Amino acid sequence: MAVDWNQLSYSFQSEVAMRADRVEVTWDEGKSNWLVRIAIGEEVIRRRCNIPKNSDEQTLRSAVQKTVQDEGYESNPTNISIHV
């Protein structure tokens, strides 16, 4: 029985989340939502988070953490910078 090592390697790699270097969150007045910036090296991924501006910090951090995970990355919740 032959093993396709390329497929096995790909399957393993797709299950390992990469760590984001920085996660910054700012309120976008023009679009009335939160802008999440996930920085990995020099690459920056921008995603919108549609929760109210007056959400408490824990709710915002949880929503941002879910956004980061949805993109396939992991981040320490205490390393999320929030700029209002």
C-alpha atoms as a PDB file:
ATOM      1  CA  MET A   1       0.000   0.000   0.000  1.00  0.00           C
ATOM      2  CA  ALA A   2       1.500   3.311  -1.083  1.00  0.00           C
ATOM      3  CA  VAL A   3       1.315   6.387   1.159  1.00  0.00           C
ATOM      4  CA  ASP A   4       0.892   9.776  -0.492  1.00  0.00           C
ATOM      5  CA  TRP A   5       3.290  11.764   1.719  1.00  0.00           C
ATOM      6  CA  ASN A   6       2.361  15.065   0.062  1.00  0.00           C
ATOM      7  CA  GLN A   7      -1.307  14.611   0.991  1.00  0.00           C
ATOM      8  CA  LEU A   8      -0.412  13.469   4.511  1.00  0.00           C
ATOM      9  CA  SER A   9       1.880  16.472   5.006  1.00  0.00           C
ATOM     10  CA  TYR A  10      -0.784  18.869   3.690  1.00  0.00           C
ATOM     11  CA  SER A  11      -3.436  17.394   5.982  1.00  0.00           C
ATOM     12  CA  PHE A  12      -1.196  17.819   9.006  1.00  0.00           C
ATOM     13  CA  GLN A  13      -0.206  21.394   8.124  1.00  0.00           C
ATOM     14  CA  SER A  14      -3.786  22.520   7.552  1.00  0.00           C
ATOM     15  CA  GLU A  15      -4.688  21.579  11.141  1.00  0.00           C
ATOM     16  CA  VAL A  16      -1.920  23.654  12.713  1.00  0.00           C
ATOM     17  CA  ALA A  17      -2.928  27.276  13.269  1.00  0.00           C
ATOM     18  CA  MET A  18      -0.295  29.933  12.705  1.00  0.00           C
ATOM     19  CA  ARG A  19       0.263  32.560  15.367  1.00  0.00           C
ATOM     20  CA  ALA A  20      -0.537  36.172  14.540  1.00  0.00           C
ATOM     21  CA  ASP A  21       2.251  38.613  15.437  1.00  0.00           C
ATOM     22  CA  ARG A  22      -0.155  41.443  16.228  1.00  0.00           C
ATOM     23  CA  VAL A  23      -3.900  41.982  16.323  1.00  0.00           C
ATOM     24  CA  GLU A  24      -5.203  45.556  16.349  1.00  0.00           C
ATOM     25  CA  VAL A  25      -8.814  46.667  16.503  1.00  0.00           C
ATOM     26  CA  THR A  26     -10.096  50.150  15.688  1.00  0.00           C
ATOM     27  CA  TRP A  27     -13.571  51.616  15.348  1.00  0.00           C
ATOM     28  CA  ASP A  28     -14.271  52.729  11.766  1.00  0.00           C
ATOM     29  CA  GLU A  29     -16.592  55.748  11.966  1.00  0.00           C
ATOM     30  CA  GLY A  30     -17.252  55.731   8.229  1.00  0.00           C
ATOM     31  CA  LYS A  31     -18.470  52.121   8.145  1.00  0.00           C
ATOM     32  CA  SER A  32     -19.783  52.018  11.735  1.00  0.00           C
ATOM     33  CA  ASN A  33     -18.035  48.750  12.597  1.00  0.00           C
ATOM     34  CA  TRP A  34     -14.801  47.442  14.067  1.00  0.00           C
ATOM     35  CA  LEU A  35     -11.797  46.915  11.790  1.00  0.00           C
ATOM     36  CA  VAL A  36      -9.603  43.991  12.829  1.00  0.00           C
ATOM     37  CA  ARG A  37      -6.008  43.967  11.543  1.00  0.00           C
ATOM     38  CA  ILE A  38      -4.205  40.649  11.834  1.00  0.00           C
ATOM     39  CA  ALA A  39      -0.470  41.060  11.236  1.00  0.00           C
ATOM     40  CA  ILE A  40       1.705  38.101  10.319  1.00  0.00           C
ATOM     41  CA  GLY A  41       5.191  39.317   9.463  1.00  0.00           C
ATOM     42  CA  GLU A  42       4.700  42.040   6.850  1.00  0.00           C
ATOM     43  CA  GLU A  43       1.331  40.678   5.722  1.00  0.00           C
ATOM     44  CA  VAL A  44      -1.775  42.325   7.181  1.00  0.00           C
ATOM     45  CA  ILE A  45      -5.246  40.829   6.882  1.00  0.00           C
ATOM     46  CA  ARG A  46      -8.156  43.209   7.440  1.00  0.00           C
ATOM     47  CA  ARG A  47     -11.569  41.980   8.515  1.00  0.00           C
ATOM     48  CA  ARG A  48     -14.721  43.711   9.721  1.00  0.00           C
ATOM     49  CA  CYS A  49     -16.441  42.848  12.979  1.00  0.00           C
ATOM     50  CA  ASN A  50     -20.099  43.852  13.194  1.00  0.00           C
ATOM     51  CA  ILE A  51     -20.689  44.291  16.885  1.00  0.00           C
ATOM     52  CA  PRO A  52     -21.871  47.557  18.477  1.00  0.00           C
ATOM     53  CA  LYS A  53     -19.365  50.271  19.327  1.00  0.00           C
ATOM     54  CA  ASN A  54     -20.549  50.311  22.940  1.00  0.00           C
ATOM     55  CA  SER A  55     -19.843  46.583  23.481  1.00  0.00           C
ATOM     56  CA  ASP A  56     -17.897  45.799  26.632  1.00  0.00           C
ATOM     57  CA  GLU A  57     -14.230  44.913  26.301  1.00  0.00           C
ATOM     58  CA  GLN A  58     -14.717  41.179  26.959  1.00  0.00           C
ATOM     59  CA  THR A  59     -17.374  40.910  24.224  1.00  0.00           C
ATOM     60  CA  LEU A  60     -15.146  42.769  21.772  1.00  0.00           C
ATOM     61  CA  ARG A  61     -12.097  40.612  22.600  1.00  0.00           C
ATOM     62  CA  SER A  62     -14.154  37.432  22.163  1.00  0.00           C
ATOM     63  CA  ALA A  63     -15.479  38.581  18.767  1.00  0.00           C
ATOM     64  CA  VAL A  64     -11.986  39.558  17.617  1.00  0.00           C
ATOM     65  CA  GLN A  65     -10.553  36.235  18.823  1.00  0.00           C
ATOM     66  CA  LYS A  66     -13.213  34.387  16.804  1.00  0.00           C
ATOM     67  CA  THR A  67     -12.383  36.498  13.734  1.00  0.00           C
ATOM     68  CA  VAL A  68      -8.688  35.636  14.104  1.00  0.00           C
ATOM     69  CA  GLN A  69      -9.505  31.926  14.463  1.00  0.00           C
ATOM     70  CA  ASP A  70     -11.854  32.033  11.455  1.00  0.00           C
ATOM     71  CA  GLU A  71      -8.860  33.204   9.397  1.00  0.00           C
ATOM     72  CA  GLY A  72      -6.847  30.188  10.556  1.00  0.00           C
ATOM     73  CA  TYR A  73      -4.636  32.006  13.053  1.00  0.00           C
ATOM     74  CA  GLU A  74      -4.290  31.983  16.783  1.00  0.00           C
ATOM     75  CA  SER A  75      -3.566  34.876  19.084  1.00  0.00           C
ATOM     76  CA  ASN A  76      -3.267  35.437  22.785  1.00  0.00           C
ATOM     77  CA  PRO A  77      -6.415  37.412  23.777  1.00  0.00           C
ATOM     78  CA  THR A  78      -4.344  39.641  26.070  1.00  0.00           C
ATOM     79  CA  ASN A  79      -2.213  40.739  23.056  1.00  0.00           C
ATOM     80  CA  ILE A  80      -5.158  42.305  21.228  1.00  0.00           C
ATOM     81  CA  SER A  81      -4.730  46.097  20.991  1.00  0.00           C
ATOM     82  CA  ILE A  82      -8.020  48.007  21.063  1.00  0.00           C
ATOM     83  CA  HIS A  83      -8.067  51.600  19.800  1.00  0.00           C
ATOM     84  CA  VAL A  84     -11.354  53.455  20.178  1.00  0.00           C
END
